């Protein structure tokens, strides 16, 4: 009765890296393709397979499969764009033939290669390339590291808000917006005439850092608890950065409560004790509260944000009740 194999491959996987079932199918059958740019073509021809150009129509493929000799399948080599509507057209032609009692072939959709984890990151890089290239978006093309700085901060806070709200869909969206900022900045740096770097350099840098800072995973250092891991991290970090003070490297632009908690934490790990101010002014009192929160294992910034959000909800409820 004939057999039609619709072979689907990932455009994000190097040509020729096909599953065993896919190679069996293309070697055993007659391979057809649309004639447009087909990344698999060279790999197949190198393996002795000679694909033939054909019209991507449901009726044409069904008839070709029925006309095939013996058990050899007709294999449709999917285009990079996925041949929009082709599967539906094949299904419609098969349904029509069943309805009028005409012969139909066996139809199989065979996945020849799958996207590797992180493959859509390549799509994001490609989209950014299109936006920044000639003929792309005028607004995107004129952005600089400095002009994007405010968006980076906004996206970080919007991501934090999604976490606090417990909104999973919102969090996924905001993480995407935050990731866009990383890719955007990397693309701008790639275009520099001097000392350029790109998103691969960004990725390579953080990969190297993670491996270097996790010797208990990638080396032979013993770190049986999270506390040991954190202590090792700080020692390695201080050694790499060549810092003179335990407080060096804490960004002063942090929100005040977070800044205070970070500095107090660094000071505590250094082993040096400096008394907190005993004055009654608001700043000194807040610093002592931050110290108490840190000792209790509470993030003061997050605790205050939670309290403010709870109070704001109560205030809005009171407004609604008042009418």
C-alpha atoms as a PDB file:
ATOM      1  CA  UNK A   1       0.000   0.000   0.000  1.00  0.00           C
ATOM      2  CA  UNK A   2       3.021   2.301   0.174  1.00  0.00           C
ATOM      3  CA  UNK A   3       4.645   4.203   3.001  1.00  0.00           C
ATOM      4  CA  UNK A   4       5.173   7.959   3.398  1.00  0.00           C
ATOM      5  CA  UNK A   5       7.673   9.221   5.972  1.00  0.00           C
ATOM      6  CA  UNK A   6       7.598  12.907   6.858  1.00  0.00           C
ATOM      7  CA  UNK A   7      11.085  13.499   8.256  1.00  0.00           C
ATOM      8  CA  UNK A   8      11.375  16.411  10.674  1.00  0.00           C
ATOM      9  CA  UNK A   9      14.773  17.713  11.766  1.00  0.00           C
ATOM     10  CA  UNK A  10      15.897  20.506  14.041  1.00  0.00           C
ATOM     11  CA  UNK A  11      17.505  23.496  12.276  1.00  0.00           C
ATOM     12  CA  UNK A  12      19.529  24.028  15.469  1.00  0.00           C
ATOM     13  CA  UNK A  13      21.351  20.700  15.205  1.00  0.00           C
ATOM     14  CA  UNK A  14      24.302  20.336  12.768  1.00  0.00           C
ATOM     15  CA  UNK A  15      23.293  18.651   9.482  1.00  0.00           C
ATOM     16  CA  UNK A  16      23.848  14.909   9.371  1.00  0.00           C
ATOM     17  CA  UNK A  17      23.324  14.369  13.084  1.00  0.00           C
ATOM     18  CA  UNK A  18      20.229  12.264  12.552  1.00  0.00           C
ATOM     19  CA  UNK A  19      18.739   9.406  14.537  1.00  0.00           C
ATOM     20  CA  UNK A  20      19.397   5.812  13.470  1.00  0.00           C
ATOM     21  CA  UNK A  21      15.758   5.482  12.357  1.00  0.00           C
ATOM     22  CA  UNK A  22      16.099   8.588  10.200  1.00  0.00           C
ATOM     23  CA  UNK A  23      19.251   7.290   8.485  1.00  0.00           C
ATOM     24  CA  UNK A  24      17.573   3.921   7.911  1.00  0.00           C
ATOM     25  CA  UNK A  25      14.625   5.667   6.270  1.00  0.00           C
ATOM     26  CA  UNK A  26      16.602   7.917   3.916  1.00  0.00           C
ATOM     27  CA  UNK A  27      18.928   5.076   2.871  1.00  0.00           C
ATOM     28  CA  UNK A  28      16.046   2.687   2.172  1.00  0.00           C
ATOM     29  CA  UNK A  29      13.653   5.016   0.363  1.00  0.00           C
ATOM     30  CA  UNK A  30      13.227   7.731  -2.209  1.00  0.00           C
ATOM     31  CA  UNK A  31      13.967  11.093  -0.615  1.00  0.00           C
ATOM     32  CA  UNK A  32      12.093  14.183  -1.768  1.00  0.00           C
ATOM     33  CA  UNK A  33      12.573  17.809  -0.732  1.00  0.00           C
ATOM     34  CA  UNK A  34      11.206  21.220  -1.684  1.00  0.00           C
ATOM     35  CA  UNK A  35      14.313  22.449  -3.469  1.00  0.00           C
ATOM     36  CA  UNK A  36      14.787  25.480  -1.245  1.00  0.00           C
ATOM     37  CA  UNK A  37      17.811  25.827   1.074  1.00  0.00           C
ATOM     38  CA  UNK A  38      18.028  22.397   2.700  1.00  0.00           C
ATOM     39  CA  UNK A  39      20.786  22.108   5.328  1.00  0.00           C
ATOM     40  CA  UNK A  40      20.689  18.294   5.311  1.00  0.00           C
ATOM     41  CA  UNK A  41      21.332  18.010   1.567  1.00  0.00           C
ATOM     42  CA  UNK A  42      25.149  17.936   1.605  1.00  0.00           C
ATOM     43  CA  UNK A  43      25.279  15.420   4.461  1.00  0.00           C
ATOM     44  CA  UNK A  44      22.845  13.086   2.700  1.00  0.00           C
ATOM     45  CA  UNK A  45      24.660  13.295  -0.632  1.00  0.00           C
ATOM     46  CA  UNK A  46      27.962  12.584   1.131  1.00  0.00           C
ATOM     47  CA  UNK A  47      26.343   9.411   2.494  1.00  0.00           C
ATOM     48  CA  UNK A  48      25.275   8.304  -0.968  1.00  0.00           C
ATOM     49  CA  UNK A  49      21.657   9.497  -0.733  1.00  0.00           C
ATOM     50  CA  UNK A  50      20.360  11.556  -3.682  1.00  0.00           C
ATOM     51  CA  UNK A  51      17.283  13.613  -2.715  1.00  0.00           C
ATOM     52  CA  UNK A  52      14.984  14.737  -5.536  1.00  0.00           C
ATOM     53  CA  UNK A  53      13.187  18.079  -5.772  1.00  0.00           C
ATOM     54  CA  UNK A  54       9.397  17.753  -5.558  1.00  0.00           C
ATOM     55  CA  UNK A  55       6.333  19.905  -4.967  1.00  0.00           C
ATOM     56  CA  UNK A  56       5.317  19.916  -1.264  1.00  0.00           C
ATOM     57  CA  UNK A  57       1.671  18.976  -1.754  1.00  0.00           C
ATOM     58  CA  UNK A  58      -0.464  16.513   0.164  1.00  0.00           C
ATOM     59  CA  UNK A  59      -1.833  14.806  -2.945  1.00  0.00           C
ATOM     60  CA  UNK A  60       1.558  14.631  -4.651  1.00  0.00           C
ATOM     61  CA  UNK A  61       3.268  12.980  -1.688  1.00  0.00           C
ATOM     62  CA  UNK A  62       0.463  10.483  -1.137  1.00  0.00           C
ATOM     63  CA  UNK A  63       0.500   9.500  -4.817  1.00  0.00           C
ATOM     64  CA  UNK A  64       4.294   9.184  -4.786  1.00  0.00           C
ATOM     65  CA  UNK A  65       4.126   6.869  -1.768  1.00  0.00           C
ATOM     66  CA  UNK A  66       1.462   4.698  -3.415  1.00  0.00           C
ATOM     67  CA  UNK A  67       3.545   4.466  -6.593  1.00  0.00           C
ATOM     68  CA  UNK A  68       6.737   3.458  -4.756  1.00  0.00           C
ATOM     69  CA  UNK A  69       8.036   0.012  -5.564  1.00  0.00           C
ATOM     70  CA  UNK A  70       8.152  -2.708  -2.930  1.00  0.00           C
ATOM     71  CA  UNK A  71       8.683  -1.735   0.681  1.00  0.00           C
ATOM     72  CA  UNK A  72      10.798   1.341  -0.102  1.00  0.00           C
ATOM     73  CA  UNK A  73       9.252   4.382   1.585  1.00  0.00           C
ATOM     74  CA  UNK A  74       8.940   7.841   0.148  1.00  0.00           C
ATOM     75  CA  UNK A  75      10.695  10.180   2.575  1.00  0.00           C
ATOM     76  CA  UNK A  76       9.823  13.850   2.604  1.00  0.00           C
ATOM     77  CA  UNK A  77      12.797  15.827   3.917  1.00  0.00           C
ATOM     78  CA  UNK A  78      11.214  18.641   5.889  1.00  0.00           C
ATOM     79  CA  UNK A  79      12.255  22.227   5.160  1.00  0.00           C
ATOM     80  CA  UNK A  80      13.810  24.430   7.859  1.00  0.00           C
ATOM     81  CA  UNK A  81      10.534  26.364   8.130  1.00  0.00           C
ATOM     82  CA  UNK A  82       8.627  23.168   8.903  1.00  0.00           C
ATOM     83  CA  UNK A  83       6.635  23.220   5.627  1.00  0.00           C
ATOM     84  CA  UNK A  84       3.601  25.046   7.082  1.00  0.00           C
ATOM     85  CA  UNK A  85       0.341  23.264   6.317  1.00  0.00           C
ATOM     86  CA  UNK A  86       1.936  20.211   4.681  1.00  0.00           C
ATOM     87  CA  UNK A  87       1.028  17.709   7.407  1.00  0.00           C
ATOM     88  CA  UNK A  88      -2.568  18.968   7.386  1.00  0.00           C
ATOM     89  CA  UNK A  89      -2.646  18.663   3.579  1.00  0.00           C
ATOM     90  CA  UNK A  90      -1.414  15.058   3.741  1.00  0.00           C
ATOM     91  CA  UNK A  91      -3.987  14.245   6.430  1.00  0.00           C
ATOM     92  CA  UNK A  92      -6.762  15.823   4.352  1.00  0.00           C
ATOM     93  CA  UNK A  93      -5.754  13.817   1.263  1.00  0.00           C
ATOM     94  CA  UNK A  94      -5.665  10.556   3.249  1.00  0.00           C
ATOM     95  CA  UNK A  95      -9.092  11.332   4.752  1.00  0.00           C
ATOM     96  CA  UNK A  96     -10.512  12.058   1.294  1.00  0.00           C
ATOM     97  CA  UNK A  97      -9.218   8.777  -0.072  1.00  0.00           C
ATOM     98  CA  UNK A  98     -10.592   6.804   2.866  1.00  0.00           C
ATOM     99  CA  UNK A  99     -13.994   8.411   2.361  1.00  0.00           C
ATOM    100  CA  UNK A 100     -14.203   7.435  -1.335  1.00  0.00           C
ATOM    101  CA  UNK A 101     -12.594   4.031  -0.855  1.00  0.00           C
ATOM    102  CA  UNK A 102      -9.300   4.756  -2.598  1.00  0.00           C
ATOM    103  CA  UNK A 103      -6.026   3.190  -1.411  1.00  0.00           C
ATOM    104  CA  UNK A 104      -3.983   5.105   1.155  1.00  0.00           C
ATOM    105  CA  UNK A 105      -0.351   4.734   2.209  1.00  0.00           C
ATOM    106  CA  UNK A 106       0.977   4.288   5.714  1.00  0.00           C
ATOM    107  CA  UNK A 107       1.968   7.762   6.939  1.00  0.00           C
ATOM    108  CA  UNK A 108       4.589   8.365   9.627  1.00  0.00           C
ATOM    109  CA  UNK A 109       6.020  11.559  11.071  1.00  0.00           C
ATOM    110  CA  UNK A 110       9.605  10.747  12.019  1.00  0.00           C
ATOM    111  CA  UNK A 111      11.689  13.094  14.166  1.00  0.00           C
ATOM    112  CA  UNK A 112      15.243  12.839  12.909  1.00  0.00           C
ATOM    113  CA  UNK A 113      16.844  15.227  15.394  1.00  0.00           C
ATOM    114  CA  UNK A 114      15.728  17.072  18.492  1.00  0.00           C
ATOM    115  CA  UNK A 115      16.589  20.521  19.779  1.00  0.00           C
ATOM    116  CA  UNK A 116      19.308  20.311  22.441  1.00  0.00           C
ATOM    117  CA  UNK A 117      18.640  22.001  25.801  1.00  0.00           C
ATOM    118  CA  UNK A 118      19.112  25.745  25.437  1.00  0.00           C
ATOM    119  CA  UNK A 119      18.545  25.690  21.673  1.00  0.00           C
ATOM    120  CA  UNK A 120      16.065  28.565  21.812  1.00  0.00           C
ATOM    121  CA  UNK A 121      18.845  30.757  23.195  1.00  0.00           C
ATOM    122  CA  UNK A 122      20.341  30.565  19.701  1.00  0.00           C
ATOM    123  CA  UNK A 123      17.051  31.895  18.349  1.00  0.00           C
ATOM    124  CA  UNK A 124      17.235  34.827  20.739  1.00  0.00           C
ATOM    125  CA  UNK A 125      20.768  35.636  19.566  1.00  0.00           C
ATOM    126  CA  UNK A 126      19.574  35.421  15.941  1.00  0.00           C
ATOM    127  CA  UNK A 127      16.630  37.740  16.606  1.00  0.00           C
ATOM    128  CA  UNK A 128      18.923  40.272  18.296  1.00  0.00           C
ATOM    129  CA  UNK A 129      21.268  40.079  15.315  1.00  0.00           C
ATOM    130  CA  UNK A 130      18.334  40.884  13.010  1.00  0.00           C
ATOM    131  CA  UNK A 131      17.210  43.812  15.153  1.00  0.00           C
ATOM    132  CA  UNK A 132      20.685  45.388  15.312  1.00  0.00           C
ATOM    133  CA  UNK A 133      21.632  44.729  11.663  1.00  0.00           C
ATOM    134  CA  UNK A 134      20.945  47.100   8.738  1.00  0.00           C
ATOM    135  CA  UNK A 135      17.263  47.004   7.912  1.00  0.00           C
ATOM    136  CA  UNK A 136      16.413  46.042  11.482  1.00  0.00           C
ATOM    137  CA  UNK A 137      14.802  48.172  14.191  1.00  0.00           C
ATOM    138  CA  UNK A 138      15.899  51.860  14.351  1.00  0.00           C
ATOM    139  CA  UNK A 139      15.291  52.025  18.111  1.00  0.00           C
ATOM    140  CA  UNK A 140      17.277  48.879  18.856  1.00  0.00           C
ATOM    141  CA  UNK A 141      20.142  50.000  16.619  1.00  0.00           C
ATOM    142  CA  UNK A 142      20.663  53.274  18.489  1.00  0.00           C
ATOM    143  CA  UNK A 143      20.799  51.795  21.998  1.00  0.00           C
ATOM    144  CA  UNK A 144      24.007  51.807  24.065  1.00  0.00           C
ATOM    145  CA  UNK A 145      25.090  50.201  27.330  1.00  0.00           C
ATOM    146  CA  UNK A 146      24.240  53.429  29.125  1.00  0.00           C
ATOM    147  CA  UNK A 147      20.851  53.952  27.484  1.00  0.00           C
ATOM    148  CA  UNK A 148      19.835  50.391  28.423  1.00  0.00           C
ATOM    149  CA  UNK A 149      20.953  50.657  32.048  1.00  0.00           C
ATOM    150  CA  UNK A 150      17.560  51.803  33.321  1.00  0.00           C
ATOM    151  CA  UNK A 151      15.814  48.900  31.552  1.00  0.00           C
ATOM    152  CA  UNK A 152      18.178  46.407  33.134  1.00  0.00           C
ATOM    153  CA  UNK A 153      17.284  47.736  36.576  1.00  0.00           C
ATOM    154  CA  UNK A 154      13.551  47.803  35.814  1.00  0.00           C
ATOM    155  CA  UNK A 155      13.547  44.246  34.507  1.00  0.00           C
ATOM    156  CA  UNK A 156      15.409  43.030  37.595  1.00  0.00           C
ATOM    157  CA  UNK A 157      12.820  44.601  39.878  1.00  0.00           C
ATOM    158  CA  UNK A 158       9.934  43.297  37.775  1.00  0.00           C
ATOM    159  CA  UNK A 159      11.425  39.810  38.052  1.00  0.00           C
ATOM    160  CA  UNK A 160      11.638  40.221  41.823  1.00  0.00           C
ATOM    161  CA  UNK A 161       8.002  41.343  41.889  1.00  0.00           C
ATOM    162  CA  UNK A 162       6.952  38.212  39.973  1.00  0.00           C
ATOM    163  CA  UNK A 163       8.817  36.044  42.492  1.00  0.00           C
ATOM    164  CA  UNK A 164       7.142  37.795  45.410  1.00  0.00           C
ATOM    165  CA  UNK A 165       3.723  37.427  43.800  1.00  0.00           C
ATOM    166  CA  UNK A 166       4.273  33.705  43.229  1.00  0.00           C
ATOM    167  CA  UNK A 167       3.087  34.151  39.628  1.00  0.00           C
ATOM    168  CA  UNK A 168       4.880  31.447  37.637  1.00  0.00           C
ATOM    169  CA  UNK A 169       3.778  32.655  34.189  1.00  0.00           C
ATOM    170  CA  UNK A 170       4.784  36.215  35.037  1.00  0.00           C
ATOM    171  CA  UNK A 171       8.149  35.021  36.350  1.00  0.00           C
ATOM    172  CA  UNK A 172       8.879  33.137  33.133  1.00  0.00           C
ATOM    173  CA  UNK A 173       8.051  36.241  31.107  1.00  0.00           C
ATOM    174  CA  UNK A 174      10.151  38.557  33.260  1.00  0.00           C
ATOM    175  CA  UNK A 175      13.127  36.204  33.194  1.00  0.00           C
ATOM    176  CA  UNK A 176      12.883  36.389  29.406  1.00  0.00           C
ATOM    177  CA  UNK A 177      12.940  40.186  29.554  1.00  0.00           C
ATOM    178  CA  UNK A 178      15.956  40.023  31.849  1.00  0.00           C
ATOM    179  CA  UNK A 179      17.711  37.586  29.529  1.00  0.00           C
ATOM    180  CA  UNK A 180      17.053  39.954  26.641  1.00  0.00           C
ATOM    181  CA  UNK A 181      19.062  42.625  28.438  1.00  0.00           C
ATOM    182  CA  UNK A 182      22.054  40.274  28.693  1.00  0.00           C
ATOM    183  CA  UNK A 183      21.915  39.390  24.992  1.00  0.00           C
ATOM    184  CA  UNK A 184      21.340  43.048  24.066  1.00  0.00           C
ATOM    185  CA  UNK A 185      24.415  44.258  25.944  1.00  0.00           C
ATOM    186  CA  UNK A 186      26.512  41.427  24.514  1.00  0.00           C
ATOM    187  CA  UNK A 187      25.452  42.326  20.984  1.00  0.00           C
ATOM    188  CA  UNK A 188      26.388  45.980  21.524  1.00  0.00           C
ATOM    189  CA  UNK A 189      29.831  44.939  22.761  1.00  0.00           C
ATOM    190  CA  UNK A 190      30.247  42.642  19.750  1.00  0.00           C
ATOM    191  CA  UNK A 191      29.937  45.629  17.414  1.00  0.00           C
ATOM    192  CA  UNK A 192      32.836  47.550  18.953  1.00  0.00           C
ATOM    193  CA  UNK A 193      35.706  48.280  16.584  1.00  0.00           C
ATOM    194  CA  UNK A 194      38.168  47.712  19.447  1.00  0.00           C
ATOM    195  CA  UNK A 195      38.183  44.990  22.114  1.00  0.00           C
ATOM    196  CA  UNK A 196      34.828  43.463  21.134  1.00  0.00           C
ATOM    197  CA  UNK A 197      33.253  40.546  22.958  1.00  0.00           C
ATOM    198  CA  UNK A 198      30.027  38.657  22.399  1.00  0.00           C
ATOM    199  CA  UNK A 199      27.455  36.464  24.104  1.00  0.00           C
ATOM    200  CA  UNK A 200      29.736  33.421  23.766  1.00  0.00           C
ATOM    201  CA  UNK A 201      32.419  35.275  25.712  1.00  0.00           C
ATOM    202  CA  UNK A 202      29.833  36.109  28.382  1.00  0.00           C
ATOM    203  CA  UNK A 203      28.796  32.458  28.570  1.00  0.00           C
ATOM    204  CA  UNK A 204      32.386  31.227  28.590  1.00  0.00           C
ATOM    205  CA  UNK A 205      33.235  33.582  31.425  1.00  0.00           C
ATOM    206  CA  UNK A 206      30.455  32.403  33.706  1.00  0.00           C
ATOM    207  CA  UNK A 207      31.101  28.737  32.844  1.00  0.00           C
ATOM    208  CA  UNK A 208      34.762  29.110  33.779  1.00  0.00           C
ATOM    209  CA  UNK A 209      33.819  30.926  36.978  1.00  0.00           C
ATOM    210  CA  UNK A 210      31.286  28.294  38.033  1.00  0.00           C
ATOM    211  CA  UNK A 211      33.761  25.481  37.465  1.00  0.00           C
ATOM    212  CA  UNK A 212      36.514  27.378  39.273  1.00  0.00           C
ATOM    213  CA  UNK A 213      34.295  28.320  42.218  1.00  0.00           C
ATOM    214  CA  UNK A 214      32.941  24.770  42.642  1.00  0.00           C
ATOM    215  CA  UNK A 215      36.078  22.714  43.279  1.00  0.00           C
ATOM    216  CA  UNK A 216      33.951  20.404  45.459  1.00  0.00           C
ATOM    217  CA  UNK A 217      32.019  19.452  42.291  1.00  0.00           C
ATOM    218  CA  UNK A 218      34.637  19.698  39.548  1.00  0.00           C
ATOM    219  CA  UNK A 219      37.700  19.011  41.708  1.00  0.00           C
ATOM    220  CA  UNK A 220      38.675  17.155  44.865  1.00  0.00           C
ATOM    221  CA  UNK A 221      37.820  19.759  47.533  1.00  0.00           C
ATOM    222  CA  UNK A 222      35.559  18.560  50.358  1.00  0.00           C
ATOM    223  CA  UNK A 223      32.518  20.752  51.062  1.00  0.00           C
ATOM    224  CA  UNK A 224      29.867  18.692  52.885  1.00  0.00           C
ATOM    225  CA  UNK A 225      27.462  21.569  53.598  1.00  0.00           C
ATOM    226  CA  UNK A 226      26.149  24.759  52.042  1.00  0.00           C
ATOM    227  CA  UNK A 227      28.082  26.740  54.664  1.00  0.00           C
ATOM    228  CA  UNK A 228      31.347  25.147  53.531  1.00  0.00           C
ATOM    229  CA  UNK A 229      30.495  25.924  49.908  1.00  0.00           C
ATOM    230  CA  UNK A 230      29.797  29.571  50.707  1.00  0.00           C
ATOM    231  CA  UNK A 231      33.007  29.913  52.717  1.00  0.00           C
ATOM    232  CA  UNK A 232      35.083  28.374  49.915  1.00  0.00           C
ATOM    233  CA  UNK A 233      33.378  30.643  47.390  1.00  0.00           C
ATOM    234  CA  UNK A 234      34.344  33.767  49.311  1.00  0.00           C
ATOM    235  CA  UNK A 235      37.949  32.628  49.761  1.00  0.00           C
ATOM    236  CA  UNK A 236      38.300  31.889  46.049  1.00  0.00           C
ATOM    237  CA  UNK A 237      36.579  35.134  45.129  1.00  0.00           C
ATOM    238  CA  UNK A 238      38.862  37.217  47.345  1.00  0.00           C
ATOM    239  CA  UNK A 239      41.916  35.497  45.911  1.00  0.00           C
ATOM    240  CA  UNK A 240      40.805  36.052  42.319  1.00  0.00           C
ATOM    241  CA  UNK A 241      39.884  39.702  42.811  1.00  0.00           C
ATOM    242  CA  UNK A 242      42.942  40.625  44.864  1.00  0.00           C
ATOM    243  CA  UNK A 243      40.843  42.636  47.311  1.00  0.00           C
ATOM    244  CA  UNK A 244      42.382  44.404  50.281  1.00  0.00           C
ATOM    245  CA  UNK A 245      39.252  44.642  52.426  1.00  0.00           C
ATOM    246  CA  UNK A 246      36.560  42.107  53.240  1.00  0.00           C
ATOM    247  CA  UNK A 247      34.056  44.806  52.269  1.00  0.00           C
ATOM    248  CA  UNK A 248      35.507  45.388  48.802  1.00  0.00           C
ATOM    249  CA  UNK A 249      33.316  44.408  45.877  1.00  0.00           C
ATOM    250  CA  UNK A 250      29.945  45.096  47.505  1.00  0.00           C
ATOM    251  CA  UNK A 251      28.120  47.450  45.091  1.00  0.00           C
ATOM    252  CA  UNK A 252      27.254  50.687  46.865  1.00  0.00           C
ATOM    253  CA  UNK A 253      24.188  51.086  44.621  1.00  0.00           C
ATOM    254  CA  UNK A 254      22.402  48.234  46.420  1.00  0.00           C
ATOM    255  CA  UNK A 255      19.213  49.205  48.275  1.00  0.00           C
ATOM    256  CA  UNK A 256      20.185  50.411  51.748  1.00  0.00           C
ATOM    257  CA  UNK A 257      18.910  47.392  53.690  1.00  0.00           C
ATOM    258  CA  UNK A 258      20.534  44.949  51.277  1.00  0.00           C
ATOM    259  CA  UNK A 259      23.764  46.952  51.381  1.00  0.00           C
ATOM    260  CA  UNK A 260      23.819  46.898  55.167  1.00  0.00           C
ATOM    261  CA  UNK A 261      23.096  43.153  55.306  1.00  0.00           C
ATOM    262  CA  UNK A 262      25.800  42.377  52.758  1.00  0.00           C
ATOM    263  CA  UNK A 263      28.431  44.460  54.517  1.00  0.00           C
ATOM    264  CA  UNK A 264      27.576  42.979  57.914  1.00  0.00           C
ATOM    265  CA  UNK A 265      27.767  39.477  56.454  1.00  0.00           C
ATOM    266  CA  UNK A 266      31.168  40.165  54.919  1.00  0.00           C
ATOM    267  CA  UNK A 267      32.417  41.643  58.194  1.00  0.00           C
ATOM    268  CA  UNK A 268      31.215  38.631  60.179  1.00  0.00           C
ATOM    269  CA  UNK A 269      33.035  36.203  57.872  1.00  0.00           C
ATOM    270  CA  UNK A 270      36.265  38.185  58.204  1.00  0.00           C
ATOM    271  CA  UNK A 271      36.453  37.408  61.940  1.00  0.00           C
ATOM    272  CA  UNK A 272      36.974  41.072  62.828  1.00  0.00           C
ATOM    273  CA  UNK A 273      34.428  42.575  65.256  1.00  0.00           C
ATOM    274  CA  UNK A 274      33.599  46.287  65.139  1.00  0.00           C
ATOM    275  CA  UNK A 275      30.753  47.426  67.433  1.00  0.00           C
ATOM    276  CA  UNK A 276      27.617  48.765  65.789  1.00  0.00           C
ATOM    277  CA  UNK A 277      26.730  52.402  66.491  1.00  0.00           C
ATOM    278  CA  UNK A 278      24.731  52.759  69.716  1.00  0.00           C
ATOM    279  CA  UNK A 279      23.203  56.115  68.784  1.00  0.00           C
ATOM    280  CA  UNK A 280      19.440  56.645  68.821  1.00  0.00           C
ATOM    281  CA  UNK A 281      19.185  58.138  65.315  1.00  0.00           C
ATOM    282  CA  UNK A 282      17.059  56.296  62.779  1.00  0.00           C
ATOM    283  CA  UNK A 283      20.011  55.147  60.662  1.00  0.00           C
ATOM    284  CA  UNK A 284      21.798  53.546  63.602  1.00  0.00           C
ATOM    285  CA  UNK A 285      18.615  51.856  64.772  1.00  0.00           C
ATOM    286  CA  UNK A 286      18.000  50.475  61.293  1.00  0.00           C
ATOM    287  CA  UNK A 287      21.542  49.136  61.106  1.00  0.00           C
ATOM    288  CA  UNK A 288      21.064  47.320  64.421  1.00  0.00           C
ATOM    289  CA  UNK A 289      17.774  45.854  63.144  1.00  0.00           C
ATOM    290  CA  UNK A 290      19.529  44.654  60.007  1.00  0.00           C
ATOM    291  CA  UNK A 291      22.166  42.980  62.184  1.00  0.00           C
ATOM    292  CA  UNK A 292      19.470  41.255  64.238  1.00  0.00           C
ATOM    293  CA  UNK A 293      17.722  40.095  61.055  1.00  0.00           C
ATOM    294  CA  UNK A 294      20.959  38.710  59.632  1.00  0.00           C
ATOM    295  CA  UNK A 295      21.708  36.796  62.816  1.00  0.00           C
ATOM    296  CA  UNK A 296      18.193  35.350  62.685  1.00  0.00           C
ATOM    297  CA  UNK A 297      18.701  34.249  59.080  1.00  0.00           C
ATOM    298  CA  UNK A 298      16.210  36.789  57.717  1.00  0.00           C
ATOM    299  CA  UNK A 299      16.787  38.894  54.595  1.00  0.00           C
ATOM    300  CA  UNK A 300      15.879  42.392  55.862  1.00  0.00           C
ATOM    301  CA  UNK A 301      15.195  43.764  52.386  1.00  0.00           C
ATOM    302  CA  UNK A 302      12.789  40.956  51.572  1.00  0.00           C
ATOM    303  CA  UNK A 303      11.208  41.067  55.031  1.00  0.00           C
ATOM    304  CA  UNK A 304      10.446  44.770  54.658  1.00  0.00           C
ATOM    305  CA  UNK A 305       9.107  44.277  51.127  1.00  0.00           C
ATOM    306  CA  UNK A 306       6.810  41.494  52.380  1.00  0.00           C
ATOM    307  CA  UNK A 307       5.589  43.651  55.241  1.00  0.00           C
ATOM    308  CA  UNK A 308       4.987  46.634  52.959  1.00  0.00           C
ATOM    309  CA  UNK A 309       3.101  44.499  50.458  1.00  0.00           C
ATOM    310  CA  UNK A 310       0.907  43.037  53.215  1.00  0.00           C
ATOM    311  CA  UNK A 311       0.183  46.493  54.601  1.00  0.00           C
ATOM    312  CA  UNK A 312      -0.604  47.850  51.117  1.00  0.00           C
ATOM    313  CA  UNK A 313      -3.117  45.046  50.541  1.00  0.00           C
ATOM    314  CA  UNK A 314      -4.749  45.804  53.883  1.00  0.00           C
ATOM    315  CA  UNK A 315      -4.919  49.499  52.979  1.00  0.00           C
ATOM    316  CA  UNK A 316      -6.586  48.732  49.652  1.00  0.00           C
ATOM    317  CA  UNK A 317      -9.096  46.470  51.410  1.00  0.00           C
ATOM    318  CA  UNK A 318      -9.906  49.320  53.802  1.00  0.00           C
ATOM    319  CA  UNK A 319     -10.387  51.690  50.858  1.00  0.00           C
ATOM    320  CA  UNK A 320     -12.826  49.262  49.208  1.00  0.00           C
ATOM    321  CA  UNK A 321     -14.777  48.844  52.423  1.00  0.00           C
ATOM    322  CA  UNK A 322     -15.011  52.594  52.824  1.00  0.00           C
ATOM    323  CA  UNK A 323     -16.417  52.798  49.326  1.00  0.00           C
END
